[in-house]
Protein backbone atom coordinates (compact mmCIF):
# COMPACT_ATOMS: atom_id res chain seq x y z
CA MET A 1 0.00 0.00 0.00
CA ALA A 2 1.26 3.51 -0.83
CA GLU A 3 2.58 5.76 1.93
CA GLU A 4 0.33 8.56 3.18
CA ARG A 5 0.81 11.62 5.34
CA LEU A 6 0.72 10.75 9.02
CA GLN A 7 -2.04 13.25 9.87
CA LYS A 8 -4.24 11.68 7.21
CA ILE A 9 -3.71 8.21 8.68
CA LEU A 10 -4.64 9.48 12.14
CA ALA A 11 -7.74 11.28 10.87
CA GLN A 12 -8.94 8.18 9.02
CA ALA A 13 -8.57 6.26 12.26
CA GLY A 14 -11.06 8.64 13.88
CA LEU A 15 -8.67 10.64 16.05
CA GLY A 16 -9.96 14.00 14.88
CA SER A 17 -9.70 16.37 11.96
CA ARG A 18 -6.39 16.58 10.12
CA ARG A 19 -5.63 19.84 11.90
CA ALA A 20 -6.30 18.21 15.29
CA CYS A 21 -4.09 15.29 14.30
CA GLU A 22 -1.33 17.69 13.32
CA THR A 23 -1.47 19.00 16.88
CA LEU A 24 -0.97 15.46 18.19
CA ILE A 25 2.09 15.03 15.97
CA VAL A 26 3.72 18.35 16.88
CA ALA A 27 3.15 17.57 20.58
CA GLY A 28 5.27 14.42 20.21
CA ARG A 29 2.42 12.05 21.09
CA VAL A 30 2.74 9.94 17.92
CA THR A 31 5.29 7.22 17.19
CA VAL A 32 5.97 5.32 13.96
CA ASP A 33 7.76 1.97 14.40
CA GLY A 34 8.89 3.05 17.88
CA ARG A 35 10.25 6.45 16.80
CA VAL A 36 8.65 9.69 18.00
CA VAL A 37 7.58 11.80 15.03
CA THR A 38 7.06 15.56 15.21
CA GLU A 39 7.46 16.53 11.53
CA LEU A 40 4.15 17.19 9.77
CA GLY A 41 5.46 16.02 6.40
CA THR A 42 6.18 12.50 7.68
CA GLN A 43 4.65 9.67 5.64
CA ALA A 44 3.99 6.04 6.53
CA ASP A 45 2.39 2.96 5.04
CA PRO A 46 -0.79 2.41 7.09
CA ALA A 47 -0.80 -1.28 6.13
CA THR A 48 2.65 -2.10 7.56
CA ALA A 49 3.78 0.70 9.90
CA ASP A 50 3.28 0.44 13.68
CA VAL A 51 1.59 3.78 14.38
CA ARG A 52 0.76 4.60 18.00
CA VAL A 53 -0.73 7.55 19.85
CA ASP A 54 0.24 7.93 23.52
CA GLY A 55 1.63 4.40 23.30
CA GLU A 56 -1.68 2.90 22.14
CA PRO A 57 -1.68 1.12 18.76
CA LEU A 58 -3.73 2.70 16.02
CA HIS A 59 -6.68 0.68 14.82
CA ALA A 60 -8.65 1.86 11.84
CA GLN A 61 -12.26 2.16 12.92
CA ARG A 62 -15.24 1.29 10.78
CA LEU A 63 -16.75 4.14 8.87
CA ARG A 64 -20.07 5.37 10.17
CA TYR A 65 -22.69 7.69 8.71
CA VAL A 66 -25.39 9.20 10.94
CA MET A 67 -28.33 11.49 10.22
CA LEU A 68 -29.53 13.70 13.10
CA HIS A 69 -32.56 15.98 13.22
CA LYS A 70 -30.92 18.79 15.16
CA PRO A 71 -33.37 20.80 17.26
CA ALA A 72 -33.03 24.55 17.68
CA GLY A 73 -30.80 25.49 20.60
CA TYR A 74 -28.13 22.86 19.94
CA LEU A 75 -24.67 23.57 18.57
CA SER A 76 -23.14 21.87 15.54
CA GLY A 77 -19.75 22.03 17.26
CA MET A 78 -18.27 22.12 20.72
CA ASP A 79 -18.00 25.58 22.33
CA PRO A 80 -18.40 25.55 26.13
CA ARG A 81 -18.37 29.37 26.14
CA ALA A 82 -21.57 29.55 24.09
CA GLY A 83 -23.77 28.18 26.84
CA TYR A 84 -25.67 25.82 24.52
CA PRO A 85 -25.71 22.02 24.47
CA SER A 86 -23.95 20.22 21.62
CA TRP A 87 -25.28 17.60 19.21
CA GLU A 88 -22.95 15.15 21.01
CA GLU A 89 -25.43 15.10 23.87
CA LEU A 90 -27.99 13.60 21.48
CA VAL A 91 -25.85 11.10 19.55
CA LYS A 92 -24.00 8.61 21.77
CA VAL A 93 -21.73 6.37 19.67
CA PRO A 94 -18.22 4.98 20.27
CA GLU A 95 -16.85 6.46 17.02
CA ARG A 96 -15.61 10.02 16.85
CA LEU A 97 -17.90 11.71 14.33
CA PHE A 98 -17.64 15.07 12.61
CA VAL A 99 -20.28 17.39 11.26
CA VAL A 100 -20.68 17.78 7.49
CA GLY A 101 -22.28 21.18 6.89
CA ARG A 102 -22.96 23.02 10.15
CA LEU A 103 -26.24 24.55 11.25
CA ASP A 104 -26.56 27.64 13.43
CA HIS A 105 -27.62 26.95 17.01
CA ASP A 106 -31.09 28.43 16.32
CA SER A 107 -31.54 26.53 13.05
CA GLU A 108 -33.00 23.05 12.80
CA GLY A 109 -33.00 20.01 10.60
CA LEU A 110 -30.71 17.55 8.90
CA LEU A 111 -27.20 17.23 10.27
CA LEU A 112 -24.88 14.67 8.68
CA LEU A 113 -22.28 13.11 10.98
CA THR A 114 -19.48 10.82 9.84
CA ASN A 115 -15.88 9.76 10.42
CA ASP A 116 -15.30 9.41 6.67
CA GLY A 117 -12.98 12.40 6.27
CA ALA A 118 -12.44 12.03 2.52
CA LEU A 119 -16.18 11.95 1.81
CA ALA A 120 -16.84 14.90 4.13
CA GLN A 121 -14.22 16.98 2.35
CA ARG A 122 -15.78 16.23 -1.04
CA LEU A 123 -19.27 17.10 0.18
CA LEU A 124 -18.13 20.39 1.71
CA HIS A 125 -15.94 21.67 -1.12
CA PRO A 126 -17.62 24.69 -2.79
CA LYS A 127 -16.70 23.63 -6.34
CA HIS A 128 -18.91 20.53 -6.13
CA GLU A 129 -22.03 22.60 -5.37
CA HIS A 130 -24.05 19.92 -3.60
CA PRO A 131 -27.55 21.40 -3.12
CA LYS A 132 -28.99 21.90 0.35
CA ILE A 133 -32.73 22.53 0.72
CA TYR A 134 -34.26 24.59 3.54
CA LEU A 135 -37.71 25.56 4.73
CA VAL A 136 -37.61 29.16 5.92
CA GLN A 137 -40.43 30.92 7.77
CA VAL A 138 -40.13 34.67 7.30
CA GLU A 139 -41.94 37.59 8.82
CA GLY A 140 -44.10 39.41 6.29
CA VAL A 141 -44.90 38.40 2.73
CA PRO A 142 -42.04 38.80 0.21
CA ASN A 143 -43.24 40.14 -3.16
CA GLU A 144 -42.18 38.79 -6.56
CA ARG A 145 -39.35 41.31 -6.90
CA LYS A 146 -37.79 40.23 -3.61
CA ILE A 147 -38.16 36.56 -4.54
CA ARG A 148 -36.31 37.28 -7.79
CA ARG A 149 -33.53 39.04 -5.89
CA LEU A 150 -33.09 35.99 -3.68
CA GLN A 151 -33.05 33.77 -6.77
CA HIS A 152 -30.43 35.84 -8.54
CA GLY A 153 -28.36 36.48 -5.41
CA VAL A 154 -27.99 39.43 -3.07
CA MET A 155 -24.95 41.41 -1.96
CA LEU A 156 -23.96 40.57 1.62
CA ASP A 157 -21.11 42.14 3.55
CA ASP A 158 -18.86 39.21 2.55
CA GLY A 159 -19.75 39.35 -1.15
CA PRO A 160 -22.62 38.39 -3.47
CA THR A 161 -24.48 35.15 -2.85
CA ALA A 162 -24.70 32.53 -5.57
CA PRO A 163 -27.98 32.06 -7.46
CA ALA A 164 -30.52 30.01 -5.49
CA LYS A 165 -33.83 28.33 -6.11
CA VAL A 166 -36.57 30.05 -4.12
CA GLU A 167 -40.24 29.09 -3.97
CA LEU A 168 -42.94 30.94 -2.01
CA LEU A 169 -45.12 28.18 -0.53
CA ALA A 170 -48.88 28.63 -0.73
CA THR A 171 -49.45 26.72 2.52
CA PRO A 172 -47.24 25.98 5.55
CA PRO A 173 -45.29 22.71 5.30
CA LEU A 174 -46.80 19.79 7.16
CA GLY A 175 -45.45 19.06 10.62
CA PHE A 176 -44.06 22.51 11.40
CA GLY A 177 -46.11 24.67 13.77
CA LYS A 178 -45.67 28.29 14.74
CA PRO A 179 -42.45 29.21 16.56
CA LYS A 180 -42.79 30.79 19.97
CA SER A 181 -41.53 34.08 18.59
CA GLN A 182 -44.52 34.17 16.30
CA GLN A 183 -47.19 33.64 18.95
CA MET A 184 -49.07 36.60 20.37
CA GLY A 185 -47.97 37.45 23.90
CA SER A 186 -46.94 40.29 26.14
CA GLY A 187 -43.64 41.58 27.29
CA GLY A 188 -44.77 41.71 30.92
CA PRO A 189 -47.69 42.22 33.32
CA GLY A 190 -50.04 44.96 32.18
CA GLU A 191 -48.40 45.36 28.75
CA PRO A 192 -50.53 44.95 25.62
CA PRO A 193 -50.08 41.86 23.44
CA VAL A 194 -47.32 42.06 20.85
CA ARG A 195 -48.84 41.67 17.39
CA ARG A 196 -46.58 40.10 14.80
CA ARG A 197 -46.70 40.53 11.04
CA PRO A 198 -48.15 37.64 9.02
CA THR A 199 -45.62 35.01 8.04
CA ARG A 200 -44.94 32.95 4.95
CA TRP A 201 -42.80 29.91 4.23
CA LEU A 202 -40.09 29.75 1.58
CA LYS A 203 -38.45 26.65 0.14
CA VAL A 204 -34.86 27.58 -0.67
CA THR A 205 -32.13 25.55 -2.38
CA LEU A 206 -28.58 26.80 -1.76
CA TYR A 207 -25.40 25.70 -3.50
CA GLU A 208 -23.05 27.35 -1.02
CA GLY A 209 -22.84 27.71 2.73
CA ARG A 210 -21.95 30.79 4.75
CA LYS A 211 -22.50 31.69 8.35
CA ARG A 212 -26.19 32.48 8.94
CA GLN A 213 -26.58 32.98 5.21
CA LEU A 214 -30.33 32.51 4.86
CA ARG A 215 -31.09 34.74 7.83
CA ARG A 216 -28.85 37.47 6.44
CA MET A 217 -30.35 37.17 2.95
CA THR A 218 -33.95 37.53 4.07
CA ALA A 219 -33.14 40.24 6.64
CA LEU A 220 -31.50 42.28 3.87
CA LEU A 221 -34.88 42.37 2.11
CA GLY A 222 -36.80 43.30 5.25
CA HIS A 223 -38.09 39.85 6.22
CA GLU A 224 -36.72 38.35 9.43
CA ALA A 225 -36.23 34.59 9.29
CA LEU A 226 -38.13 33.18 12.25
CA ARG A 227 -37.31 29.58 11.51
CA VAL A 228 -34.73 27.82 9.31
CA ILE A 229 -35.05 24.06 8.80
CA ARG A 230 -32.71 22.06 6.55
CA ILE A 231 -34.59 19.17 4.96
CA SER A 232 -31.98 17.75 2.58
CA ILE A 233 -28.28 17.62 1.72
CA GLY A 234 -27.62 16.35 -1.80
CA PRO A 235 -29.42 12.98 -2.10
CA LEU A 236 -30.20 12.79 1.66
CA ALA A 237 -33.67 13.78 2.86
CA LEU A 238 -34.71 14.37 6.47
CA GLY A 239 -38.04 12.63 5.92
CA GLU A 240 -40.06 11.94 9.05
CA LEU A 241 -37.14 11.85 11.49
CA ARG A 242 -38.30 13.77 14.56
CA PRO A 243 -36.33 16.57 16.28
CA GLY A 244 -33.63 15.21 18.60
CA LYS A 245 -33.67 11.75 16.98
CA TRP A 246 -30.95 10.14 14.90
CA ARG A 247 -30.34 7.04 12.80
CA ASP A 248 -27.58 5.37 10.81
CA LEU A 249 -27.81 5.85 7.07
CA ALA A 250 -29.03 2.91 5.02
CA PRO A 251 -26.48 1.34 2.62
CA GLY A 252 -28.35 2.81 -0.33
CA GLU A 253 -28.10 6.32 1.18
CA VAL A 254 -24.35 5.91 1.69
CA ARG A 255 -23.94 4.80 -1.93
CA ALA A 256 -25.97 7.79 -3.10
CA LEU A 257 -23.78 10.14 -1.03
CA ARG A 258 -20.59 8.66 -2.43
CA ASP A 259 -21.94 8.82 -5.99
CA ALA A 260 -22.82 12.49 -5.45
CA ALA A 261 -19.42 13.24 -3.93
CA TYR A 262 -17.23 11.42 -6.44
CA GLY A 263 -19.40 11.59 -9.56
CA GLY A 264 -19.12 7.88 -10.18
CA HIS A 265 -15.28 7.88 -10.06
CA PRO A 266 -13.42 5.69 -7.55
CA PRO A 267 -12.36 7.81 -4.56
CA GLU A 268 -8.77 6.60 -4.86
CA LEU A 269 -8.43 7.87 -8.43
CA ASP A 270 -10.19 11.12 -7.62
CA ALA A 271 -7.96 11.78 -4.61
CA ALA A 272 -4.87 11.16 -6.74
CA SER A 273 -6.11 13.56 -9.39
CA THR A 274 -6.85 16.20 -6.75
CA GLU A 275 -3.39 15.80 -5.27
CA ARG A 276 -1.79 16.31 -8.67
CA LYS A 277 -3.87 19.43 -9.31
CA THR A 278 -3.02 21.02 -5.98
CA LYS A 279 0.67 20.83 -6.86
CA LEU A 280 0.09 23.27 -9.72
CA LEU A 281 0.38 26.97 -9.08
CA LEU A 282 -2.22 28.91 -11.08
CA PRO A 283 -2.57 32.67 -11.56
CA ASN A 284 -4.66 34.19 -8.80
CA THR A 285 -6.06 36.96 -10.99
CA ILE A 286 -6.30 36.98 -14.79
CA ALA A 287 -6.98 40.19 -16.71
CA ILE A 288 -8.31 40.07 -20.27
CA ASP A 289 -8.65 43.36 -22.17
CA GLY A 290 -9.52 44.30 -25.72
CA PRO A 291 -11.89 46.27 -27.94
CA SER A 292 -15.55 45.44 -28.56
CA ALA A 293 -16.29 42.07 -30.21
CA SER A 294 -12.69 40.87 -29.87
CA GLY A 295 -13.94 37.73 -28.12
CA LYS A 296 -12.75 38.59 -24.63
CA SER A 297 -16.11 37.89 -22.95
CA THR A 298 -16.46 34.44 -24.54
CA ILE A 299 -12.84 33.51 -23.81
CA GLY A 300 -13.00 34.87 -20.26
CA ALA A 301 -16.17 32.97 -19.45
CA ARG A 302 -14.77 29.68 -20.80
CA LEU A 303 -11.48 30.14 -18.99
CA ALA A 304 -13.20 30.90 -15.68
CA LYS A 305 -15.36 27.80 -16.06
CA ASP A 306 -12.33 25.62 -16.83
CA LEU A 307 -10.46 26.89 -13.77
CA GLY A 308 -13.45 27.12 -11.43
CA TYR A 309 -12.78 30.86 -11.04
CA LEU A 310 -15.12 33.79 -10.62
CA TYR A 311 -15.89 35.45 -13.96
CA LEU A 312 -16.59 39.17 -14.20
CA ASP A 313 -17.20 41.01 -17.45
CA THR A 314 -16.70 44.59 -16.30
CA GLY A 315 -18.11 45.91 -19.56
CA VAL A 316 -21.60 44.82 -18.51
CA MET A 317 -21.28 47.06 -15.45
CA TYR A 318 -20.84 50.10 -17.68
CA ARG A 319 -23.67 48.94 -19.94
CA ALA A 320 -25.81 48.55 -16.83
CA VAL A 321 -25.06 52.13 -15.78
CA ALA A 322 -25.97 53.30 -19.29
CA ALA A 323 -29.20 51.30 -19.18
CA VAL A 324 -30.17 52.81 -15.81
CA VAL A 325 -29.33 56.30 -17.09
CA MET A 326 -31.58 55.91 -20.10
CA ALA A 327 -34.38 54.16 -18.20
CA ARG A 328 -34.55 57.04 -15.72
CA GLY A 329 -34.55 59.70 -18.41
CA VAL A 330 -31.17 61.18 -17.50
CA SER A 331 -29.25 62.80 -20.33
CA VAL A 332 -26.13 60.87 -21.30
CA SER A 333 -24.33 64.20 -21.68
CA ASP A 334 -25.07 65.24 -18.07
CA GLU A 335 -21.83 64.05 -16.47
CA ALA A 336 -22.78 65.04 -12.90
CA ALA A 337 -26.15 63.25 -12.99
CA VAL A 338 -24.71 60.15 -14.67
CA THR A 339 -21.90 59.98 -12.09
CA THR A 340 -24.37 60.30 -9.21
CA LEU A 341 -26.43 57.40 -10.58
CA ALA A 342 -23.28 55.27 -11.00
CA GLU A 343 -22.34 55.89 -7.37
CA GLN A 344 -25.82 55.11 -6.05
CA VAL A 345 -27.06 52.17 -8.13
CA GLU A 346 -26.55 48.68 -6.67
CA LEU A 347 -25.18 46.46 -9.45
CA GLN A 348 -24.78 42.70 -9.36
CA VAL A 349 -23.17 40.63 -12.11
CA LEU A 350 -23.85 36.93 -11.62
CA PRO A 351 -23.53 33.69 -13.57
CA ALA A 352 -26.59 33.11 -15.77
CA THR A 353 -29.52 32.37 -13.45
CA ILE A 354 -32.06 31.73 -16.21
CA ALA A 355 -31.54 29.39 -19.17
CA ASP A 356 -32.68 31.84 -21.86
CA GLY A 357 -29.42 32.24 -23.75
CA ARG A 358 -27.91 34.95 -21.58
CA ASP A 359 -24.21 34.86 -20.71
CA VAL A 360 -24.63 36.47 -17.29
CA THR A 361 -27.40 37.86 -15.12
CA VAL A 362 -27.20 41.60 -14.45
CA LEU A 363 -29.27 43.20 -11.69
CA ALA A 364 -29.65 46.93 -11.07
CA ASP A 365 -31.23 47.62 -7.68
CA GLY A 366 -32.67 44.10 -7.85
CA ALA A 367 -34.23 44.49 -11.32
CA ASP A 368 -33.11 42.06 -14.03
CA ILE A 369 -31.68 44.09 -16.94
CA SER A 370 -29.65 41.27 -18.53
CA TRP A 371 -31.20 41.75 -21.97
CA ASP A 372 -31.72 45.50 -21.76
CA ILE A 373 -27.97 46.13 -21.72
CA ARG A 374 -27.60 44.42 -25.12
CA LYS A 375 -29.94 46.80 -26.93
CA PRO A 376 -28.34 48.89 -29.72
CA ALA A 377 -29.27 52.14 -27.95
CA ILE A 378 -27.28 51.03 -24.89
CA GLU A 379 -24.34 50.02 -27.08
CA ARG A 380 -24.28 53.57 -28.44
CA ALA A 381 -24.56 55.19 -24.99
CA VAL A 382 -22.05 53.09 -23.10
CA SER A 383 -18.87 54.70 -24.49
CA PRO A 384 -19.69 58.28 -23.45
CA VAL A 385 -21.02 57.06 -20.10
CA SER A 386 -17.89 54.98 -19.39
CA ALA A 387 -15.64 57.90 -20.35
CA TYR A 388 -16.71 59.93 -17.32
CA ARG A 389 -14.08 59.93 -14.61
CA GLY A 390 -16.58 59.60 -11.73
CA VAL A 391 -18.33 56.65 -13.37
CA ARG A 392 -15.07 54.80 -13.90
CA GLN A 393 -13.94 55.50 -10.34
CA ALA A 394 -17.20 54.10 -8.95
CA MET A 395 -16.96 50.96 -11.09
CA VAL A 396 -13.25 50.42 -10.45
CA LEU A 397 -13.83 50.44 -6.69
CA GLN A 398 -16.46 47.73 -7.04
CA GLN A 399 -14.26 45.70 -9.39
CA ARG A 400 -11.24 45.84 -7.10
CA ARG A 401 -13.33 44.74 -4.11
CA ILE A 402 -14.45 41.72 -6.08
CA ALA A 403 -10.87 40.88 -7.07
CA LEU A 404 -9.65 40.99 -3.45
CA ASP A 405 -10.87 37.41 -2.95
CA GLY A 406 -8.66 36.28 -5.85
CA ARG A 407 -9.20 33.35 -8.22
CA ALA A 408 -10.93 35.61 -10.70
CA VAL A 409 -10.98 36.14 -14.47
CA MET A 410 -11.88 39.75 -15.17
CA VAL A 411 -12.45 41.14 -18.66
CA GLY A 412 -12.83 44.72 -19.86
CA ARG A 413 -10.92 47.58 -21.45
CA ASP A 414 -8.67 48.75 -18.61
CA ILE A 415 -8.30 45.73 -16.33
CA GLY A 416 -4.57 45.20 -16.86
CA THR A 417 -3.75 48.91 -16.91
CA VAL A 418 -6.00 50.42 -14.21
CA VAL A 419 -8.25 48.00 -12.33
CA LEU A 420 -5.72 45.21 -11.70
CA PRO A 421 -2.28 46.53 -12.68
CA ASP A 422 -0.73 43.74 -10.57
CA ALA A 423 -2.79 40.91 -12.12
CA ASP A 424 -0.80 37.67 -12.31
CA LEU A 425 -1.58 37.09 -15.99
CA LYS A 426 -2.60 39.76 -18.51
CA ILE A 427 -4.01 39.04 -21.97
CA TYR A 428 -5.01 41.56 -24.64
CA LEU A 429 -7.36 40.19 -27.33
CA ASP A 430 -7.62 42.06 -30.60
CA ALA A 431 -8.98 41.54 -34.13
CA ALA A 432 -9.43 43.51 -37.32
CA LEU A 433 -12.31 45.99 -37.23
CA GLN A 434 -14.16 44.35 -40.14
CA VAL A 435 -13.98 40.93 -38.46
CA ARG A 436 -15.23 42.32 -35.15
CA ALA A 437 -18.11 44.09 -36.92
CA GLU A 438 -19.15 40.84 -38.62
CA ARG A 439 -19.09 39.06 -35.25
CA ARG A 440 -21.26 41.70 -33.61
CA TYR A 441 -23.62 41.67 -36.61
CA ARG A 442 -24.09 37.87 -36.34
CA GLU A 443 -24.64 38.15 -32.57
CA ARG A 444 -27.50 40.60 -33.09
CA LEU A 445 -29.13 38.49 -35.77
CA ALA A 446 -28.87 35.42 -33.51
CA ARG A 447 -30.77 37.34 -30.81
CA GLY A 448 -33.53 38.11 -33.27
CA GLU A 449 -32.60 41.79 -33.60
CA GLN A 450 -32.55 43.77 -36.81
CA ALA A 451 -29.05 44.77 -37.86
CA ILE A 452 -27.21 46.30 -40.81
CA LEU A 453 -23.57 45.33 -41.14
CA ASP A 454 -22.40 48.76 -42.36
CA GLN A 455 -24.13 50.44 -39.42
CA VAL A 456 -22.54 48.03 -36.94
CA LEU A 457 -19.17 48.77 -38.53
CA VAL A 458 -19.66 52.52 -38.07
CA GLU A 459 -20.73 52.05 -34.43
CA LEU A 460 -17.70 49.92 -33.60
CA ARG A 461 -15.30 52.34 -35.29
CA ARG A 462 -16.81 55.21 -33.30
CA ARG A 463 -16.60 53.26 -30.06
CA ASP A 464 -12.96 52.33 -30.71
CA GLU A 465 -12.13 56.00 -31.18
CA ILE A 466 -13.89 57.05 -27.96
CA ASP A 467 -12.38 54.21 -25.93
CA SER A 468 -8.83 54.77 -27.14
CA GLN A 469 -8.89 58.58 -26.97
CA ARG A 470 -10.79 59.15 -23.73
CA GLN A 471 -8.96 61.12 -21.07
CA HIS A 472 -9.54 58.64 -18.24
CA SER A 473 -8.35 55.02 -18.56
CA PRO A 474 -8.01 54.86 -22.38
CA LEU A 475 -8.15 51.49 -24.07
CA ALA A 476 -4.59 50.16 -24.44
CA ALA A 477 -2.68 46.95 -23.93
CA ALA A 478 -0.71 46.85 -20.69
CA PRO A 479 3.07 46.76 -21.31
CA ASP A 480 3.27 43.28 -19.78
CA ALA A 481 0.14 41.92 -21.47
CA ILE A 482 0.34 39.08 -24.00
CA VAL A 483 -1.42 40.21 -27.20
CA ILE A 484 -3.49 37.66 -29.15
CA ASP A 485 -4.80 38.65 -32.58
CA SER A 486 -7.95 36.58 -33.13
CA THR A 487 -8.68 37.89 -36.66
CA ASN A 488 -8.06 34.51 -38.28
CA LEU A 489 -8.64 32.31 -35.23
CA SER A 490 -11.72 30.42 -34.07
CA ILE A 491 -12.82 30.52 -30.44
CA ASP A 492 -11.40 27.03 -29.90
CA GLU A 493 -8.05 28.10 -31.40
CA VAL A 494 -7.91 31.16 -29.14
CA MET A 495 -8.72 28.95 -26.12
CA ALA A 496 -5.91 26.57 -27.09
CA PHE A 497 -3.52 29.54 -27.21
CA VAL A 498 -4.71 30.76 -23.78
CA ARG A 499 -4.26 27.28 -22.28
CA GLN A 500 -0.69 27.28 -23.58
CA LEU A 501 -0.12 30.62 -21.87
CA LEU A 502 -1.47 29.18 -18.62
CA GLN A 503 0.78 26.15 -18.92
CA ARG A 504 3.78 28.36 -19.60
CA TRP A 505 2.89 30.59 -16.62
CA THR A 506 2.51 27.54 -14.38
CA GLN A 507 5.86 26.12 -15.43
CA THR A 508 7.54 29.47 -14.80
CA HIS A 509 6.00 29.90 -11.35
CA GLN A 510 5.93 26.23 -10.33
CA ARG A 511 6.61 25.66 -6.63
CA HIS A 512 9.65 23.57 -5.92
């Protein structure tokens, strides 16, 4: 059997998380074949090595998978300072189990417990996007606009949320009564009863998990979450399991979990592939610039999908500002008014949330303007709007905040020169004007719009002139950008070129 890191061997034996096992090693409590080991990089063959902790031989324990219906008021972890009981007071088993996907102490529902560390890691990793379904009772009645905002994602203090599935239930779900906070009562003797707003239930499917995410999302829209109940994780469903009760998963449920986690691939092969990938050093931020219709949006979106990175087409932010300006009847030539709108409007650029052919979803103050920004009138207005210094400053601040988290592909006209001058990899896509005009012409026809090629050519030439001659952040390739002329290249050929650049960058910056 192949050698493995010592902390991994200890974790698989149920002695804690890998971080906890690293603490055991550093403390000198672990021996391998009679020798005390304190180096975290130490490897051993679990099939032949004599591994001991505090002198006791290590025995691999059987893997166990438990489903608990956590009641409100219980913690998903151990924190004696919190003053709340832990789930461990409800589930008494000899194995040391760990929580897969925590729940807040005041949230309820399905909690998965296991000592299968590899499976837990796969289920928790954000890139696998295993859906989790919740029932949420909110105060008040959210209207259609607010439901759409939840579906598309809202901007929290730690960044925008991913798109979610949200359904406003016509009737309360069976088996869930009113919470105490929703009952009429009084604050004390002689005080009048406290009347609460009416409540409604939402069924929400999330593909990510942040601290108190659902409560923060609904509170942002003015609807306090009175109750949050998780009813499923991936293929697992809570069913009729009562609060405070637990059971072992059936073999079929374990198989379904493993299929969901590994996508039908053997865990051993998948783990090896993951280990190989983590050895590669990839650019943290990638900037792609270029004129209109040079292909930067298509290439950027594909590259971000390949790498699992965030994709942001900054051009749509300027189109969104132009769309808001025109929708509100503000003159495009009124620089002060346009700048004020750019500073005040709440813009969100998200992955496509509706399968209607859009590349991205664009929200302005919660309203979906994804198709509005592609109208010819907006195309004509966006260059003068984006030339205003105040507008660009407002957008650049938002773009830089997004890039702070890293692992992003950002496309536009001044990413490598202004927005992200320190981007790890900079690419400038270009093409002959006639070729770009033909591309834009075909795009409009494909969307069912009327278009005249000569008119599109004139519009692009005018936009190139404005973008390259504007006083603030003119269109230009950064000195350290790699220029790709896509005039005679297909999208696939450009992507092949970009992948070569990535490979070359990786080889240059490879960790040794």
